[in-house]
C-alpha atoms as a PDB file:
ATOM      1  CA  UNK A   1      -0.102  -0.012   0.016  1.00  0.00           C
ATOM      2  CA  UNK A   2       2.853   2.456   0.827  1.00  0.00           C
ATOM      3  CA  UNK A   3       4.430   1.689  -2.622  1.00  0.00           C
ATOM      4  CA  UNK A   4       1.156   2.399  -4.336  1.00  0.00           C
ATOM      5  CA  UNK A   5       0.802   5.648  -2.491  1.00  0.00           C
ATOM      6  CA  UNK A   6       4.393   6.699  -3.289  1.00  0.00           C
ATOM      7  CA  UNK A   7       3.603   5.914  -7.119  1.00  0.00           C
ATOM      8  CA  UNK A   8       0.467   7.993  -6.952  1.00  0.00           C
ATOM      9  CA  UNK A   9       2.312  10.851  -5.474  1.00  0.00           C
ATOM     10  CA  UNK A  10       5.167  10.495  -7.882  1.00  0.00           C
ATOM     11  CA  UNK A  11       2.803  10.433 -10.906  1.00  0.00           C
ATOM     12  CA  UNK A  12       0.751  13.369  -9.954  1.00  0.00           C
ATOM     13  CA  UNK A  13       3.985  15.457  -9.295  1.00  0.00           C
ATOM     14  CA  UNK A  14       5.030  14.379 -12.840  1.00  0.00           C
ATOM     15  CA  UNK A  15       1.832  15.443 -14.348  1.00  0.00           C
ATOM     16  CA  UNK A  16       1.834  18.893 -12.632  1.00  0.00           C
ATOM     17  CA  UNK A  17       5.448  19.282 -13.609  1.00  0.00           C
ATOM     18  CA  UNK A  18       4.546  19.113 -17.374  1.00  0.00           C
ATOM     19  CA  UNK A  19       2.362  21.902 -18.628  1.00  0.00           C
ATOM     20  CA  UNK A  20       0.956  19.789 -21.629  1.00  0.00           C
ATOM     21  CA  UNK A  21      -0.122  16.897 -19.309  1.00  0.00           C
ATOM     22  CA  UNK A  22      -1.625  19.228 -16.749  1.00  0.00           C
ATOM     23  CA  UNK A  23      -3.602  20.954 -19.605  1.00  0.00           C
ATOM     24  CA  UNK A  24      -4.960  17.657 -20.933  1.00  0.00           C
ATOM     25  CA  UNK A  25      -5.856  16.428 -17.341  1.00  0.00           C
ATOM     26  CA  UNK A  26      -7.814  19.779 -16.815  1.00  0.00           C
ATOM     27  CA  UNK A  27      -9.283  19.980 -20.518  1.00  0.00           C
ATOM     28  CA  UNK A  28     -12.426  17.951 -19.826  1.00  0.00           C
ATOM     29  CA  UNK A  29     -13.443  20.529 -17.058  1.00  0.00           C
ATOM     30  CA  UNK A  30     -12.642  23.377 -19.486  1.00  0.00           C
ATOM     31  CA  UNK A  31     -14.673  21.888 -22.238  1.00  0.00           C
ATOM     32  CA  UNK A  32     -17.537  21.302 -19.914  1.00  0.00           C
ATOM     33  CA  UNK A  33     -17.483  24.942 -18.856  1.00  0.00           C
ATOM     34  CA  UNK A  34     -17.257  26.101 -22.453  1.00  0.00           C
ATOM     35  CA  UNK A  35     -20.271  23.841 -23.439  1.00  0.00           C
ATOM     36  CA  UNK A  36     -22.316  25.213 -20.584  1.00  0.00           C
ATOM     37  CA  UNK A  37     -21.611  28.810 -21.628  1.00  0.00           C
ATOM     38  CA  UNK A  38     -21.003  28.733 -25.303  1.00  0.00           C
ATOM     39  CA  UNK A  39     -23.664  26.240 -26.678  1.00  0.00           C
ATOM     40  CA  UNK A  40     -26.751  27.927 -25.093  1.00  0.00           C
ATOM     41  CA  UNK A  41     -25.404  31.163 -26.687  1.00  0.00           C
ATOM     42  CA  UNK A  42     -25.044  29.728 -30.066  1.00  0.00           C
ATOM     43  CA  UNK A  43     -28.339  27.818 -30.024  1.00  0.00           C
ATOM     44  CA  UNK A  44     -30.638  30.988 -30.709  1.00  0.00           C
ATOM     45  CA  UNK A  45     -28.245  31.746 -33.768  1.00  0.00           C
ATOM     46  CA  UNK A  46     -28.641  28.304 -35.157  1.00  0.00           C
ATOM     47  CA  UNK A  47     -32.490  27.833 -34.472  1.00  0.00           C
ATOM     48  CA  UNK A  48     -33.338  28.912 -38.081  1.00  0.00           C
ATOM     49  CA  UNK A  49     -31.111  25.943 -39.479  1.00  0.00           C
ATOM     50  CA  UNK A  50     -31.543  23.220 -36.843  1.00  0.00           C
ATOM     51  CA  UNK A  51     -32.396  22.776 -33.143  1.00  0.00           C
ATOM     52  CA  UNK A  52     -29.120  22.224 -31.473  1.00  0.00           C
ATOM     53  CA  UNK A  53     -31.027  21.532 -28.280  1.00  0.00           C
ATOM     54  CA  UNK A  54     -32.232  18.248 -29.793  1.00  0.00           C
ATOM     55  CA  UNK A  55     -28.560  17.010 -29.450  1.00  0.00           C
ATOM     56  CA  UNK A  56     -27.774  18.047 -26.051  1.00  0.00           C
ATOM     57  CA  UNK A  57     -28.128  14.524 -24.781  1.00  0.00           C
ATOM     58  CA  UNK A  58     -25.810  13.242 -27.442  1.00  0.00           C
ATOM     59  CA  UNK A  59     -23.208  15.991 -26.480  1.00  0.00           C
ATOM     60  CA  UNK A  60     -23.538  15.078 -22.894  1.00  0.00           C
ATOM     61  CA  UNK A  61     -22.925  11.292 -23.514  1.00  0.00           C
ATOM     62  CA  UNK A  62     -19.834  12.270 -25.730  1.00  0.00           C
ATOM     63  CA  UNK A  63     -18.546  14.205 -22.716  1.00  0.00           C
ATOM     64  CA  UNK A  64     -18.879  10.970 -20.578  1.00  0.00           C
ATOM     65  CA  UNK A  65     -16.455   9.380 -23.139  1.00  0.00           C
ATOM     66  CA  UNK A  66     -14.131  12.414 -23.671  1.00  0.00           C
ATOM     67  CA  UNK A  67     -13.215  12.645 -20.050  1.00  0.00           C
ATOM     68  CA  UNK A  68     -11.679   9.139 -19.565  1.00  0.00           C
ATOM     69  CA  UNK A  69     -10.093   9.259 -23.157  1.00  0.00           C
ATOM     70  CA  UNK A  70      -8.245  12.467 -22.394  1.00  0.00           C
ATOM     71  CA  UNK A  71      -7.185  11.092 -18.953  1.00  0.00           C
ATOM     72  CA  UNK A  72      -5.976   8.100 -20.769  1.00  0.00           C
ATOM     73  CA  UNK A  73      -3.645  10.279 -22.767  1.00  0.00           C
ATOM     74  CA  UNK A  74      -2.137  11.554 -19.667  1.00  0.00           C
ATOM     75  CA  UNK A  75      -1.503   8.227 -18.133  1.00  0.00           C
ATOM     76  CA  UNK A  76      -0.227   6.934 -21.493  1.00  0.00           C
ATOM     77  CA  UNK A  77       2.313   9.692 -21.757  1.00  0.00           C
ATOM     78  CA  UNK A  78       3.437   8.930 -18.181  1.00  0.00           C
ATOM     79  CA  UNK A  79       3.843   5.301 -19.208  1.00  0.00           C
ATOM     80  CA  UNK A  80       6.158   6.440 -22.001  1.00  0.00           C
ATOM     81  CA  UNK A  81       8.173   8.479 -19.416  1.00  0.00           C
ATOM     82  CA  UNK A  82       8.421   5.460 -17.175  1.00  0.00           C
ATOM     83  CA  UNK A  83       9.745   3.537 -20.141  1.00  0.00           C
ATOM     84  CA  UNK A  84      12.376   6.035 -21.000  1.00  0.00           C
ATOM     85  CA  UNK A  85      13.437   6.409 -17.418  1.00  0.00           C
ATOM     86  CA  UNK A  86      13.580   2.524 -17.019  1.00  0.00           C
ATOM     87  CA  UNK A  87      11.109   2.626 -14.061  1.00  0.00           C
ATOM     88  CA  UNK A  88       9.669  -0.690 -15.228  1.00  0.00           C
ATOM     89  CA  UNK A  89      12.958  -2.436 -15.146  1.00  0.00           C
ATOM     90  CA  UNK A  90      13.470  -1.113 -11.555  1.00  0.00           C
ATOM     91  CA  UNK A  91      10.005  -2.250 -10.488  1.00  0.00           C
ATOM     92  CA  UNK A  92      10.706  -5.842 -11.681  1.00  0.00           C
ATOM     93  CA  UNK A  93      13.002  -6.234  -8.636  1.00  0.00           C
ATOM     94  CA  UNK A  94      10.680  -4.742  -5.946  1.00  0.00           C
ATOM     95  CA  UNK A  95       7.801  -6.312  -4.230  1.00  0.00           C
ATOM     96  CA  UNK A  96       5.370  -4.415  -6.445  1.00  0.00           C
ATOM     97  CA  UNK A  97       6.857  -5.820  -9.714  1.00  0.00           C
ATOM     98  CA  UNK A  98       5.658  -5.035 -13.167  1.00  0.00           C
ATOM     99  CA  UNK A  99       2.257  -6.761 -12.799  1.00  0.00           C
ATOM    100  CA  UNK A 100       1.501  -4.729  -9.804  1.00  0.00           C
ATOM    101  CA  UNK A 101       2.627  -1.484 -11.331  1.00  0.00           C
ATOM    102  CA  UNK A 102       0.257  -2.293 -14.315  1.00  0.00           C
ATOM    103  CA  UNK A 103      -2.603  -3.019 -12.168  1.00  0.00           C
ATOM    104  CA  UNK A 104      -2.060   0.353 -10.540  1.00  0.00           C
ATOM    105  CA  UNK A 105      -1.940   2.046 -13.901  1.00  0.00           C
ATOM    106  CA  UNK A 106      -5.194   0.307 -14.841  1.00  0.00           C
ATOM    107  CA  UNK A 107      -7.278   0.453 -11.772  1.00  0.00           C
ATOM    108  CA  UNK A 108      -6.360   3.911 -10.280  1.00  0.00           C
ATOM    109  CA  UNK A 109      -7.166   5.889 -13.452  1.00  0.00           C
ATOM    110  CA  UNK A 110     -10.543   4.188 -13.825  1.00  0.00           C
ATOM    111  CA  UNK A 111     -11.452   5.391 -10.230  1.00  0.00           C
ATOM    112  CA  UNK A 112     -10.389   8.913 -10.986  1.00  0.00           C
ATOM    113  CA  UNK A 113     -11.976   9.131 -14.386  1.00  0.00           C
ATOM    114  CA  UNK A 114     -15.321   8.078 -12.946  1.00  0.00           C
ATOM    115  CA  UNK A 115     -15.183  11.001 -10.606  1.00  0.00           C
ATOM    116  CA  UNK A 116     -13.825  13.221 -13.236  1.00  0.00           C
ATOM    117  CA  UNK A 117     -16.504  12.423 -15.794  1.00  0.00           C
ATOM    118  CA  UNK A 118     -19.265  13.029 -13.207  1.00  0.00           C
ATOM    119  CA  UNK A 119     -17.977  16.323 -12.350  1.00  0.00           C
ATOM    120  CA  UNK A 120     -17.767  17.378 -16.038  1.00  0.00           C
ATOM    121  CA  UNK A 121     -21.279  16.470 -16.576  1.00  0.00           C
ATOM    122  CA  UNK A 122     -22.362  18.565 -13.732  1.00  0.00           C
ATOM    123  CA  UNK A 123     -20.287  21.407 -14.959  1.00  0.00           C
ATOM    124  CA  UNK A 124     -21.709  21.144 -18.602  1.00  0.00           C
ATOM    125  CA  UNK A 125     -25.210  20.602 -17.454  1.00  0.00           C
ATOM    126  CA  UNK A 126     -26.712  21.190 -20.906  1.00  0.00           C
ATOM    127  CA  UNK A 127     -29.974  19.234 -20.329  1.00  0.00           C
ATOM    128  CA  UNK A 128     -31.561  16.984 -17.668  1.00  0.00           C
ATOM    129  CA  UNK A 129     -30.063  13.562 -17.861  1.00  0.00           C
ATOM    130  CA  UNK A 130     -31.283  10.100 -16.518  1.00  0.00           C
ATOM    131  CA  UNK A 131     -28.306   9.664 -14.255  1.00  0.00           C
ATOM    132  CA  UNK A 132     -29.689   6.356 -12.936  1.00  0.00           C
ATOM    133  CA  UNK A 133     -29.376   5.018 -16.482  1.00  0.00           C
ATOM    134  CA  UNK A 134     -26.211   6.986 -17.161  1.00  0.00           C
ATOM    135  CA  UNK A 135     -24.292   5.704 -14.081  1.00  0.00           C
ATOM    136  CA  UNK A 136     -23.442   2.158 -15.469  1.00  0.00           C
ATOM    137  CA  UNK A 137     -22.289   3.865 -18.669  1.00  0.00           C
ATOM    138  CA  UNK A 138     -19.948   6.239 -16.796  1.00  0.00           C
ATOM    139  CA  UNK A 139     -18.488   3.166 -15.037  1.00  0.00           C
ATOM    140  CA  UNK A 140     -17.933   1.300 -18.319  1.00  0.00           C
ATOM    141  CA  UNK A 141     -16.694   4.501 -20.157  1.00  0.00           C
ATOM    142  CA  UNK A 142     -14.045   4.929 -17.526  1.00  0.00           C
ATOM    143  CA  UNK A 143     -12.355   1.845 -18.937  1.00  0.00           C
ATOM    144  CA  UNK A 144     -11.509   3.992 -21.936  1.00  0.00           C
ATOM    145  CA  UNK A 145      -8.663   5.465 -19.701  1.00  0.00           C
ATOM    146  CA  UNK A 146      -6.530   2.259 -19.433  1.00  0.00           C
ATOM    147  CA  UNK A 147      -7.425   1.406 -23.003  1.00  0.00           C
ATOM    148  CA  UNK A 148      -5.869   4.684 -24.263  1.00  0.00           C
ATOM    149  CA  UNK A 149      -3.068   4.537 -21.829  1.00  0.00           C
ATOM    150  CA  UNK A 150      -2.117   1.010 -22.683  1.00  0.00           C
ATOM    151  CA  UNK A 151      -2.591   1.729 -26.345  1.00  0.00           C
ATOM    152  CA  UNK A 152      -0.097   4.555 -26.280  1.00  0.00           C
ATOM    153  CA  UNK A 153       2.372   2.297 -24.213  1.00  0.00           C
ATOM    154  CA  UNK A 154       1.962  -0.623 -26.593  1.00  0.00           C
ATOM    155  CA  UNK A 155       2.352   1.181 -29.993  1.00  0.00           C
ATOM    156  CA  UNK A 156       4.496   4.383 -29.323  1.00  0.00           C
ATOM    157  CA  UNK A 157       8.232   4.655 -28.815  1.00  0.00           C
ATOM    158  CA  UNK A 158       8.194   8.121 -27.621  1.00  0.00           C
ATOM    159  CA  UNK A 159       6.071  10.994 -26.966  1.00  0.00           C
ATOM    160  CA  UNK A 160       6.108  12.289 -30.632  1.00  0.00           C
ATOM    161  CA  UNK A 161       4.866   8.926 -31.836  1.00  0.00           C
ATOM    162  CA  UNK A 162       2.389   9.050 -28.809  1.00  0.00           C
ATOM    163  CA  UNK A 163       0.929  12.221 -30.227  1.00  0.00           C
ATOM    164  CA  UNK A 164       0.353  10.815 -33.626  1.00  0.00           C
ATOM    165  CA  UNK A 165      -1.119   7.440 -32.428  1.00  0.00           C
ATOM    166  CA  UNK A 166      -3.242   9.289 -29.686  1.00  0.00           C
ATOM    167  CA  UNK A 167      -4.854  11.282 -32.472  1.00  0.00           C
ATOM    168  CA  UNK A 168      -5.273   8.272 -34.545  1.00  0.00           C
ATOM    169  CA  UNK A 169      -6.847   6.464 -31.606  1.00  0.00           C
ATOM    170  CA  UNK A 170      -9.162   9.514 -31.013  1.00  0.00           C
ATOM    171  CA  UNK A 171     -11.010   8.552 -34.288  1.00  0.00           C
ATOM    172  CA  UNK A 172     -13.046   5.922 -32.198  1.00  0.00           C
ATOM    173  CA  UNK A 173     -15.031   9.111 -31.059  1.00  0.00           C
ATOM    174  CA  UNK A 174     -16.751   8.626 -34.452  1.00  0.00           C
ATOM    175  CA  UNK A 175     -18.375   5.467 -33.039  1.00  0.00           C
ATOM    176  CA  UNK A 176     -20.912   6.968 -30.797  1.00  0.00           C
ATOM    177  CA  UNK A 177     -21.910   9.515 -33.572  1.00  0.00           C
ATOM    178  CA  UNK A 178     -22.372   6.470 -35.904  1.00  0.00           C
ATOM    179  CA  UNK A 179     -24.576   4.793 -33.432  1.00  0.00           C
ATOM    180  CA  UNK A 180     -26.695   7.972 -32.913  1.00  0.00           C
ATOM    181  CA  UNK A 181     -27.144   9.072 -36.513  1.00  0.00           C
ATOM    182  CA  UNK A 182     -26.992   5.911 -38.653  1.00  0.00           C
ATOM    183  CA  UNK A 183     -30.343   3.836 -38.253  1.00  0.00           C
ATOM    184  CA  UNK A 184     -29.129   0.825 -40.269  1.00  0.00           C
ATOM    185  CA  UNK A 185     -27.505  -2.521 -39.648  1.00  0.00           C
ATOM    186  CA  UNK A 186     -24.311  -0.993 -41.245  1.00  0.00           C
ATOM    187  CA  UNK A 187     -23.932   1.028 -38.044  1.00  0.00           C
ATOM    188  CA  UNK A 188     -22.908  -2.185 -36.279  1.00  0.00           C
ATOM    189  CA  UNK A 189     -19.689  -2.166 -38.290  1.00  0.00           C
ATOM    190  CA  UNK A 190     -18.515   0.334 -35.515  1.00  0.00           C
ATOM    191  CA  UNK A 191     -19.686  -2.024 -32.806  1.00  0.00           C
ATOM    192  CA  UNK A 192     -16.005  -3.365 -32.193  1.00  0.00           C
ATOM    193  CA  UNK A 193     -15.114   0.059 -31.076  1.00  0.00           C
ATOM    194  CA  UNK A 194     -15.829   0.385 -27.331  1.00  0.00           C
ATOM    195  CA  UNK A 195     -17.266   4.005 -27.454  1.00  0.00           C
ATOM    196  CA  UNK A 196     -20.070   2.756 -29.772  1.00  0.00           C
ATOM    197  CA  UNK A 197     -21.907   1.120 -26.867  1.00  0.00           C
ATOM    198  CA  UNK A 198     -22.051   4.171 -24.694  1.00  0.00           C
ATOM    199  CA  UNK A 199     -24.538   6.040 -26.798  1.00  0.00           C
ATOM    200  CA  UNK A 200     -26.042   2.764 -28.115  1.00  0.00           C
ATOM    201  CA  UNK A 201     -26.900   1.850 -24.534  1.00  0.00           C
ATOM    202  CA  UNK A 202     -28.064   5.348 -23.267  1.00  0.00           C
ATOM    203  CA  UNK A 203     -30.483   5.887 -26.260  1.00  0.00           C
ATOM    204  CA  UNK A 204     -31.887   2.290 -26.023  1.00  0.00           C
ATOM    205  CA  UNK A 205     -34.968   1.330 -24.068  1.00  0.00           C
ATOM    206  CA  UNK A 206     -36.251  -1.780 -22.423  1.00  0.00           C
ATOM    207  CA  UNK A 207     -34.242  -5.023 -22.531  1.00  0.00           C
ATOM    208  CA  UNK A 208     -31.972  -3.629 -25.268  1.00  0.00           C
ATOM    209  CA  UNK A 209     -30.504  -1.134 -22.827  1.00  0.00           C
ATOM    210  CA  UNK A 210     -29.278  -4.124 -20.754  1.00  0.00           C
ATOM    211  CA  UNK A 211     -28.111  -6.036 -23.663  1.00  0.00           C
ATOM    212  CA  UNK A 212     -26.157  -3.105 -25.029  1.00  0.00           C
ATOM    213  CA  UNK A 213     -24.805  -2.493 -21.501  1.00  0.00           C
ATOM    214  CA  UNK A 214     -23.557  -6.110 -21.186  1.00  0.00           C
ATOM    215  CA  UNK A 215     -22.111  -6.147 -24.728  1.00  0.00           C
ATOM    216  CA  UNK A 216     -20.316  -2.843 -24.097  1.00  0.00           C
ATOM    217  CA  UNK A 217     -18.743  -4.293 -20.884  1.00  0.00           C
ATOM    218  CA  UNK A 218     -17.584  -7.338 -22.766  1.00  0.00           C
ATOM    219  CA  UNK A 219     -16.038  -5.238 -25.534  1.00  0.00           C
ATOM    220  CA  UNK A 220     -14.317  -2.983 -23.156  1.00  0.00           C
ATOM    221  CA  UNK A 221     -12.822  -5.826 -21.194  1.00  0.00           C
ATOM    222  CA  UNK A 222     -11.595  -7.639 -24.406  1.00  0.00           C
ATOM    223  CA  UNK A 223      -9.778  -4.591 -25.549  1.00  0.00           C
ATOM    224  CA  UNK A 224      -8.280  -4.004 -22.138  1.00  0.00           C
ATOM    225  CA  UNK A 225      -7.038  -7.557 -21.944  1.00  0.00           C
ATOM    226  CA  UNK A 226      -5.751  -7.315 -25.483  1.00  0.00           C
ATOM    227  CA  UNK A 227      -3.840  -4.087 -24.834  1.00  0.00           C
ATOM    228  CA  UNK A 228      -2.460  -5.546 -21.612  1.00  0.00           C
ATOM    229  CA  UNK A 229      -1.119  -8.428 -23.666  1.00  0.00           C
ATOM    230  CA  UNK A 230       0.368  -6.127 -26.300  1.00  0.00           C
ATOM    231  CA  UNK A 231       1.924  -3.912 -23.632  1.00  0.00           C
ATOM    232  CA  UNK A 232       3.464  -6.918 -21.733  1.00  0.00           C
ATOM    233  CA  UNK A 233       4.819  -8.341 -25.019  1.00  0.00           C
ATOM    234  CA  UNK A 234       6.492  -5.143 -25.776  1.00  0.00           C
ATOM    235  CA  UNK A 235       8.221  -4.803 -22.369  1.00  0.00           C
ATOM    236  CA  UNK A 236       9.634  -8.472 -23.027  1.00  0.00           C
END
């Protein structure tokens, strides 16, 4: 437990020491605030063309995803730092070992991003949301944090590559938009992308809500285990 607390303290010191990582960590709160102020101001200007308010629930569900994904970037870049500084080699000879360190990297960010996502929703507050229905989705969406973190650690050699790969991975944010707007079996082409199931579940009713929820959980767990394997294989 002391080792985990030391790691937590060390990681947050590192995040605060780097302006870019601090900015990414705080960005969801800034986006939530901008949405709360800017979107209601823009809505009257757009009303002649389309009613933006109809899409407020979609925007809010995307915020649920955006928060853990951005936090995953922060953790992913710290993983790249740890690799450069040979932290993983050092940990292999400590009681925590690499496996314990990886569990810390996966579990702790999930817990933080749950709290962070909930706060961002309260800040944005664009429309009333069914938080009872949304809560399981916030818990599942939090798995995006270790997914993105491990993805950066598995595929990037350095921070420059990490930026490029992070942007490429960010394309998965198209999945919830596909789920919402495309009313066709073709939309399920995107079903292998974890974010797809967040909007698919929230905007579903009856038994399909629970079915979507379970499938979303399974898809997220599959990709997490796969990314853990890729990450461990890369470490050797």
